[in-house]
């Protein structure tokens, strides 16, 4: 499972070490709280599309059976 985490402007850093540490902590917390392993992808502030009305929070990118 890949989880995109939008980093707030206050926390966003150009320093790789800071971002890698944040990513690792989120992965560990997800494993501890939900018992799932996932790959965290940190993305820039305001890069997740905002929708009006009902938010789309899960995007299933699996290929459907019979599709190519």
N, C-alpha and C. Protein backbone atom coordinates (compact mmCIF):
# COMPACT_ATOMS: atom_id res chain seq x y z
N UNK A 1 0.85 -1.17 0.00
CA UNK A 1 0.00 0.00 0.00
C UNK A 1 0.89 1.23 0.00
N UNK A 2 0.58 2.15 -0.88
CA UNK A 2 1.30 3.43 -0.90
C UNK A 2 0.35 4.51 -0.38
N UNK A 3 0.84 5.30 0.57
CA UNK A 3 0.04 6.38 1.15
C UNK A 3 0.75 7.69 0.87
N UNK A 4 0.03 8.60 0.21
CA UNK A 4 0.59 9.93 -0.03
C UNK A 4 0.24 10.82 1.16
N UNK A 5 1.25 11.47 1.70
CA UNK A 5 1.06 12.36 2.84
C UNK A 5 1.50 13.75 2.41
N UNK A 6 0.54 14.67 2.41
CA UNK A 6 0.86 16.05 2.06
C UNK A 6 1.46 16.74 3.27
N UNK A 7 2.65 17.25 3.11
CA UNK A 7 3.36 17.90 4.20
C UNK A 7 2.91 19.36 4.28
N UNK A 8 2.59 19.82 5.47
CA UNK A 8 2.15 21.21 5.62
C UNK A 8 3.32 22.16 5.36
N UNK A 9 3.03 23.37 4.92
CA UNK A 9 4.12 24.34 4.64
C UNK A 9 5.01 24.59 5.85
N UNK A 10 4.45 24.53 7.06
CA UNK A 10 5.24 24.79 8.26
C UNK A 10 6.26 23.68 8.52
N UNK A 11 5.96 22.47 8.08
CA UNK A 11 6.82 21.32 8.35
C UNK A 11 7.72 21.00 7.16
N UNK A 12 7.30 21.38 5.96
CA UNK A 12 8.05 21.05 4.75
C UNK A 12 9.49 21.55 4.86
N UNK A 13 10.42 20.71 4.41
CA UNK A 13 11.84 21.06 4.49
C UNK A 13 12.54 20.59 3.23
N UNK A 14 13.57 21.33 2.83
CA UNK A 14 14.39 20.90 1.70
C UNK A 14 15.47 19.93 2.15
N UNK A 15 15.58 19.73 3.46
CA UNK A 15 16.62 18.86 4.00
C UNK A 15 16.14 17.41 3.94
N UNK A 16 16.84 16.60 3.18
CA UNK A 16 16.47 15.21 2.96
C UNK A 16 16.39 14.43 4.27
N UNK A 17 17.33 14.64 5.16
CA UNK A 17 17.37 13.91 6.42
C UNK A 17 16.09 14.13 7.23
N UNK A 18 15.60 15.36 7.25
CA UNK A 18 14.37 15.69 7.99
C UNK A 18 13.17 14.96 7.38
N UNK A 19 13.06 14.99 6.05
CA UNK A 19 11.95 14.33 5.38
C UNK A 19 12.00 12.82 5.53
N UNK A 20 13.18 12.23 5.42
CA UNK A 20 13.33 10.78 5.58
C UNK A 20 12.95 10.35 6.99
N UNK A 21 13.33 11.13 7.98
CA UNK A 21 12.99 10.84 9.37
C UNK A 21 11.47 10.90 9.56
N UNK A 22 10.83 11.91 8.98
CA UNK A 22 9.38 12.05 9.08
C UNK A 22 8.67 10.86 8.41
N UNK A 23 9.14 10.49 7.25
CA UNK A 23 8.58 9.35 6.51
C UNK A 23 8.68 8.06 7.33
N UNK A 24 9.85 7.83 7.91
CA UNK A 24 10.06 6.62 8.72
C UNK A 24 9.13 6.60 9.93
N UNK A 25 8.98 7.73 10.59
CA UNK A 25 8.10 7.81 11.76
C UNK A 25 6.64 7.51 11.39
N UNK A 26 6.20 8.03 10.26
CA UNK A 26 4.82 7.77 9.82
C UNK A 26 4.64 6.30 9.50
N UNK A 27 5.60 5.70 8.81
CA UNK A 27 5.52 4.27 8.49
C UNK A 27 5.46 3.42 9.77
N UNK A 28 6.29 3.76 10.75
CA UNK A 28 6.29 3.03 12.03
C UNK A 28 4.97 3.18 12.76
N UNK A 29 4.41 4.39 12.75
CA UNK A 29 3.14 4.65 13.43
C UNK A 29 2.00 3.87 12.75
N UNK A 30 1.99 3.83 11.44
CA UNK A 30 0.96 3.08 10.71
C UNK A 30 1.05 1.60 11.06
N UNK A 31 2.27 1.07 11.14
CA UNK A 31 2.47 -0.34 11.49
C UNK A 31 2.01 -0.60 12.92
N UNK A 32 2.36 0.28 13.84
CA UNK A 32 2.02 0.09 15.25
C UNK A 32 0.51 0.23 15.50
N UNK A 33 -0.12 1.21 14.88
CA UNK A 33 -1.52 1.50 15.16
C UNK A 33 -2.49 0.64 14.34
N UNK A 34 -2.15 0.41 13.07
CA UNK A 34 -3.08 -0.29 12.18
C UNK A 34 -2.61 -1.69 11.78
N UNK A 35 -1.39 -2.02 12.17
CA UNK A 35 -0.79 -3.31 11.85
C UNK A 35 -0.74 -3.56 10.33
N UNK A 36 -0.43 -2.50 9.58
CA UNK A 36 -0.22 -2.65 8.14
C UNK A 36 1.11 -2.00 7.78
N UNK A 37 1.77 -2.62 6.84
CA UNK A 37 3.00 -2.04 6.31
C UNK A 37 2.63 -1.24 5.08
N UNK A 38 3.15 -0.05 4.99
CA UNK A 38 2.85 0.76 3.82
C UNK A 38 4.07 1.60 3.47
N UNK A 39 4.06 2.05 2.23
CA UNK A 39 5.13 2.91 1.76
C UNK A 39 4.57 4.33 1.79
N UNK A 40 5.20 5.19 2.54
CA UNK A 40 4.78 6.58 2.66
C UNK A 40 5.49 7.40 1.59
N UNK A 41 4.72 8.21 0.90
CA UNK A 41 5.27 9.12 -0.10
C UNK A 41 4.91 10.53 0.35
N UNK A 42 5.93 11.29 0.75
CA UNK A 42 5.72 12.67 1.18
C UNK A 42 5.63 13.54 -0.06
N UNK A 43 4.58 14.37 -0.10
CA UNK A 43 4.41 15.24 -1.26
C UNK A 43 4.29 16.69 -0.82
N UNK A 44 4.53 17.58 -1.75
CA UNK A 44 4.55 19.02 -1.48
C UNK A 44 3.22 19.53 -0.95
N UNK A 45 3.28 20.60 -0.16
CA UNK A 45 2.05 21.23 0.32
C UNK A 45 1.13 21.64 -0.84
N UNK A 46 -0.16 21.46 -0.63
CA UNK A 46 -1.20 21.84 -1.59
C UNK A 46 -1.15 21.06 -2.90
N UNK A 47 -0.51 19.88 -2.92
CA UNK A 47 -0.42 19.11 -4.15
C UNK A 47 -1.53 18.07 -4.30
N UNK A 48 -2.26 17.80 -3.22
CA UNK A 48 -3.41 16.90 -3.32
C UNK A 48 -4.61 17.75 -3.72
N UNK A 49 -5.28 17.31 -4.78
CA UNK A 49 -6.41 18.05 -5.31
C UNK A 49 -7.52 18.13 -4.28
N UNK A 50 -8.01 19.34 -4.07
CA UNK A 50 -9.14 19.54 -3.16
C UNK A 50 -10.40 19.44 -3.97
N UNK A 51 -11.39 18.77 -3.43
CA UNK A 51 -12.66 18.66 -4.15
C UNK A 51 -13.74 19.38 -3.37
N UNK A 52 -14.69 19.87 -4.08
CA UNK A 52 -15.84 20.49 -3.44
C UNK A 52 -16.86 19.39 -3.20
N UNK A 53 -17.50 19.46 -2.08
CA UNK A 53 -18.46 18.42 -1.75
C UNK A 53 -17.76 17.25 -1.09
N UNK A 54 -18.18 16.05 -1.43
CA UNK A 54 -17.64 14.85 -0.80
C UNK A 54 -16.20 14.59 -1.27
N UNK A 55 -15.31 14.43 -0.31
CA UNK A 55 -13.89 14.22 -0.63
C UNK A 55 -13.64 12.79 -1.08
N UNK A 56 -12.74 12.62 -2.04
CA UNK A 56 -12.32 11.30 -2.49
C UNK A 56 -11.01 11.01 -1.78
N UNK A 57 -11.04 10.14 -0.79
CA UNK A 57 -9.88 9.91 0.06
C UNK A 57 -9.07 8.67 -0.32
N UNK A 58 -9.67 7.76 -1.08
CA UNK A 58 -8.97 6.54 -1.47
C UNK A 58 -9.02 6.42 -2.98
N UNK A 59 -7.87 6.19 -3.58
CA UNK A 59 -7.79 5.97 -5.02
C UNK A 59 -7.23 4.58 -5.23
N UNK A 60 -8.02 3.71 -5.86
CA UNK A 60 -7.62 2.33 -6.10
C UNK A 60 -6.93 2.26 -7.46
N UNK A 61 -5.63 2.03 -7.45
CA UNK A 61 -4.86 1.99 -8.68
C UNK A 61 -4.57 0.57 -9.17
N UNK A 62 -5.22 -0.42 -8.52
CA UNK A 62 -5.01 -1.79 -8.98
C UNK A 62 -5.60 -1.96 -10.37
N UNK A 63 -4.99 -2.84 -11.15
CA UNK A 63 -5.52 -3.14 -12.47
C UNK A 63 -6.68 -4.11 -12.32
N UNK A 64 -7.74 -3.84 -13.04
CA UNK A 64 -8.90 -4.73 -13.00
C UNK A 64 -8.62 -5.98 -13.81
N UNK A 65 -9.23 -7.07 -13.39
CA UNK A 65 -9.05 -8.35 -14.06
C UNK A 65 -9.49 -8.22 -15.51
N UNK A 66 -8.67 -8.69 -16.43
CA UNK A 66 -8.99 -8.62 -17.85
C UNK A 66 -8.55 -7.32 -18.51
N UNK A 67 -8.14 -6.32 -17.71
CA UNK A 67 -7.66 -5.06 -18.26
C UNK A 67 -6.17 -5.14 -18.49
N UNK A 68 -5.68 -4.31 -19.39
CA UNK A 68 -4.23 -4.29 -19.62
C UNK A 68 -3.66 -2.96 -19.36
